[in-house]
Protein backbone atom coordinates (compact mmCIF):
# COMPACT_ATOMS: atom_id res chain seq x y z
CA MET A 1 0.00 0.00 0.00
CA TYR A 2 2.69 2.52 0.99
CA ARG A 3 4.94 1.71 -1.97
CA GLY A 4 2.11 2.56 -4.35
CA LEU A 5 1.45 5.81 -2.52
CA PHE A 6 5.07 6.93 -2.83
CA ALA A 7 5.21 5.88 -6.49
CA ARG A 8 2.14 8.00 -7.31
CA ILE A 9 3.47 11.01 -5.40
CA GLY A 10 6.86 10.65 -7.11
CA ARG A 11 5.16 10.76 -10.53
CA VAL A 12 3.36 14.03 -9.86
CA LEU A 13 6.22 15.95 -8.22
CA PRO A 14 8.37 18.14 -10.48
CA ASP A 15 12.07 17.39 -10.83
CA LYS A 16 13.87 18.06 -7.55
CA GLY A 17 10.48 18.42 -5.88
CA ARG A 18 10.12 17.82 -2.16
CA PHE A 19 7.54 15.86 -0.26
CA PHE A 20 6.70 16.28 3.43
CA LEU A 21 4.90 13.46 5.23
CA GLN A 22 3.48 13.70 8.71
CA THR A 23 2.10 10.47 10.07
CA MET A 24 1.69 8.37 13.16
CA VAL A 25 3.46 5.02 13.30
CA PHE A 26 3.19 1.91 15.42
CA GLY A 27 6.22 1.59 17.68
CA ARG A 28 8.30 -1.22 19.09
CA ASN A 29 5.76 -2.25 21.75
CA MET A 30 2.76 -2.56 19.45
CA ILE A 31 0.64 -5.61 20.23
CA PRO A 32 0.48 -8.32 17.52
CA ALA A 33 -2.14 -7.58 14.86
CA ASP A 34 -3.84 -10.97 15.37
CA ARG A 35 -4.77 -9.94 18.94
CA ILE A 36 -6.69 -6.86 17.76
CA GLY A 37 -10.43 -7.48 17.69
CA ILE A 38 -13.76 -6.04 18.73
CA ASN A 39 -14.35 -9.15 20.87
CA ALA A 40 -11.18 -8.55 22.91
CA PRO A 41 -11.76 -7.59 26.55
CA ARG A 42 -13.47 -4.20 26.70
CA GLU A 43 -11.08 -1.30 27.26
CA SER A 44 -8.03 -3.45 26.45
CA ASP A 45 -5.46 -2.21 23.94
CA ALA A 46 -6.71 -4.79 21.42
CA TRP A 47 -10.32 -3.60 21.81
CA TYR A 48 -9.46 0.10 21.44
CA LEU A 49 -7.33 -0.54 18.36
CA ALA A 50 -10.20 -2.55 16.83
CA LEU A 51 -12.54 0.39 17.48
CA MET A 52 -10.09 2.71 15.76
CA GLY A 53 -10.05 0.30 12.82
CA ARG A 54 -13.84 0.52 12.62
CA GLN A 55 -13.74 4.31 12.69
CA PHE A 56 -11.04 4.47 10.02
CA PRO A 57 -11.72 1.40 7.83
CA GLY A 58 -9.04 0.35 5.39
CA SER A 59 -6.30 2.25 7.19
CA PHE A 60 -3.41 0.91 9.19
CA LEU A 61 -0.40 2.77 10.49
CA PRO A 62 3.07 1.86 9.27
CA TYR A 63 5.38 0.00 11.65
CA GLY A 64 7.95 2.64 12.38
CA GLN A 65 9.94 5.08 10.32
CA GLU A 66 11.92 2.21 8.80
CA GLN A 67 8.85 0.95 6.92
CA ILE A 68 8.18 4.42 5.57
CA VAL A 69 11.76 4.86 4.36
CA ARG A 70 11.84 1.38 2.75
CA SER A 71 8.51 2.00 1.03
CA ALA A 72 9.60 5.41 -0.26
CA GLU A 73 12.67 3.99 -2.03
CA PRO A 74 13.43 4.27 -4.96
CA HIS A 75 11.16 7.30 -5.40
CA PHE A 76 12.47 9.38 -2.50
CA ARG A 77 15.44 9.66 -0.20
CA LEU A 78 15.15 10.73 3.41
CA VAL A 79 16.33 14.29 4.02
CA SER A 80 15.30 14.72 7.65
CA SER A 81 13.07 13.21 10.28
CA THR A 82 11.67 14.44 13.59
CA SER A 83 9.34 13.09 16.23
CA GLY A 84 6.67 15.54 17.29
CA ARG A 85 4.97 13.07 19.64
CA LEU A 86 5.23 15.21 22.78
CA ASP A 87 4.08 18.35 20.94
CA TYR A 88 1.15 16.40 19.51
CA ILE A 89 0.21 15.08 22.95
CA GLU A 90 0.11 18.64 24.28
CA THR A 91 -1.98 19.77 21.30
CA VAL A 92 -4.49 16.97 21.92
CA ARG A 93 -4.61 17.88 25.63
CA GLN A 94 -5.47 21.47 24.71
CA TRP A 95 -8.11 20.34 22.19
CA ARG A 96 -9.76 18.10 24.77
CA LYS A 97 -9.76 20.88 27.34
CA ARG A 98 -11.49 23.24 24.92
CA PHE A 99 -13.89 20.65 23.50
CA ALA A 100 -14.92 19.57 27.00
CA ALA A 101 -15.91 23.09 28.03
CA PRO A 102 -19.71 23.14 28.37
CA SER A 103 -21.80 25.24 26.02
CA LEU A 104 -25.43 25.52 24.97
CA ARG A 105 -24.46 25.11 21.31
CA LYS A 106 -22.76 21.75 21.96
CA THR A 107 -25.70 20.55 24.01
CA LEU A 108 -28.12 21.40 21.18
CA LEU A 109 -25.88 19.63 18.67
CA LYS A 110 -25.81 16.49 20.84
CA LEU A 111 -29.61 16.56 21.07
CA GLN A 112 -29.74 16.53 17.25
CA LEU A 113 -27.75 13.28 17.34
CA LEU A 114 -30.28 11.55 19.59
CA PRO A 115 -32.16 9.76 16.76
CA ARG A 116 -28.89 8.24 15.51
CA TRP A 117 -27.96 7.25 19.07
CA LEU A 118 -31.26 5.41 19.43
CA THR A 119 -31.03 3.56 16.10
CA SER A 120 -27.34 2.72 15.60
CA ALA A 121 -25.37 0.40 17.85
CA ASP A 122 -22.16 1.32 16.00
CA PHE A 123 -22.79 5.01 16.64
CA ARG A 124 -23.39 4.38 20.36
CA LEU A 125 -20.19 2.33 20.56
CA ALA A 126 -18.11 5.00 18.81
CA PHE A 127 -19.72 7.84 20.75
CA THR A 128 -19.24 6.30 24.20
CA SER A 129 -15.81 4.75 23.62
CA GLY A 130 -14.11 8.10 23.12
CA VAL A 131 -11.72 6.44 20.69
CA SER A 132 -9.96 8.49 18.08
CA ALA A 133 -6.45 8.70 16.77
CA ASN A 134 -6.04 11.62 19.15
CA SER A 135 -7.02 9.68 22.26
CA ALA A 136 -4.43 7.04 21.46
CA LEU A 137 -1.71 9.57 22.19
CA ARG A 138 -3.04 11.12 25.38
CA ALA A 139 -0.32 11.13 27.99
CA GLY A 140 -0.73 11.05 31.72
CA ALA A 141 -4.50 10.62 31.66
CA ALA A 142 -6.66 7.68 32.56
CA GLY A 143 -8.70 6.45 29.66
CA PRO A 144 -8.34 4.81 26.26
CA LEU A 145 -5.34 2.62 25.63
CA SER A 146 -2.99 1.61 28.35
CA ALA A 147 0.15 3.59 29.01
CA ARG A 148 2.14 0.94 27.12
CA VAL A 149 0.31 1.57 23.86
CA ARG A 150 -0.14 5.29 24.47
CA GLU A 151 3.50 5.93 25.33
CA ASP A 152 5.48 3.28 23.46
CA ALA A 153 3.45 1.80 20.63
CA MET A 154 2.49 4.96 18.80
CA SER A 155 4.41 8.04 17.92
CA GLU A 156 4.22 10.78 15.39
CA SER A 157 6.85 11.00 12.72
CA ALA A 158 7.51 13.78 10.26
CA VAL A 159 9.65 12.93 7.27
CA ALA A 160 10.92 15.34 4.65
CA ALA A 161 12.07 13.66 1.48
CA ALA A 162 13.50 14.73 -1.82
CA GLY A 163 12.70 12.89 -4.99
CA PRO A 164 13.73 11.08 -6.96
CA ALA A 165 16.05 9.07 -4.75
CA ALA A 166 19.73 9.48 -5.39
CA PRO A 167 21.11 6.63 -7.51
CA SER A 168 23.02 4.02 -5.58
CA ALA A 169 26.70 3.31 -6.18
CA ALA A 170 25.72 0.06 -7.90
CA SER A 171 23.69 1.78 -10.65
């Protein structure tokens, strides 16, 4: 999947064009994919990751920066890389603080969602689970995903690449 993405991007960039990718990646302590499932114990890492998969069907994060770099070759070469995980965690904390502030407008919006709440089990599950890509990275708070997944299994990675990749010495 990722190789095809990089190939398509490489075709549309002008000569010496640059590509900036910001993504989250699974880290070294990610649980095995075969343990992820909606029937896993409620509020376990496996259950929360399955819920995220239902909210974002067809998507799956790459396993670390190494997979991104391998998939980008031969279309791109890595120019620089940074981890903005802690900045992102702070951003999410600020979003949650602001979104949680009570308001009449939000209350009226939630009341408009009542018919969907009453008729859709999937909507109730998503609404009450609080799962989103953002909640997976919350630090220092009780809630979705254990500290192991929240702290070690996911991080944000920003990669700047130049294309096309420089030819190797063998070519």
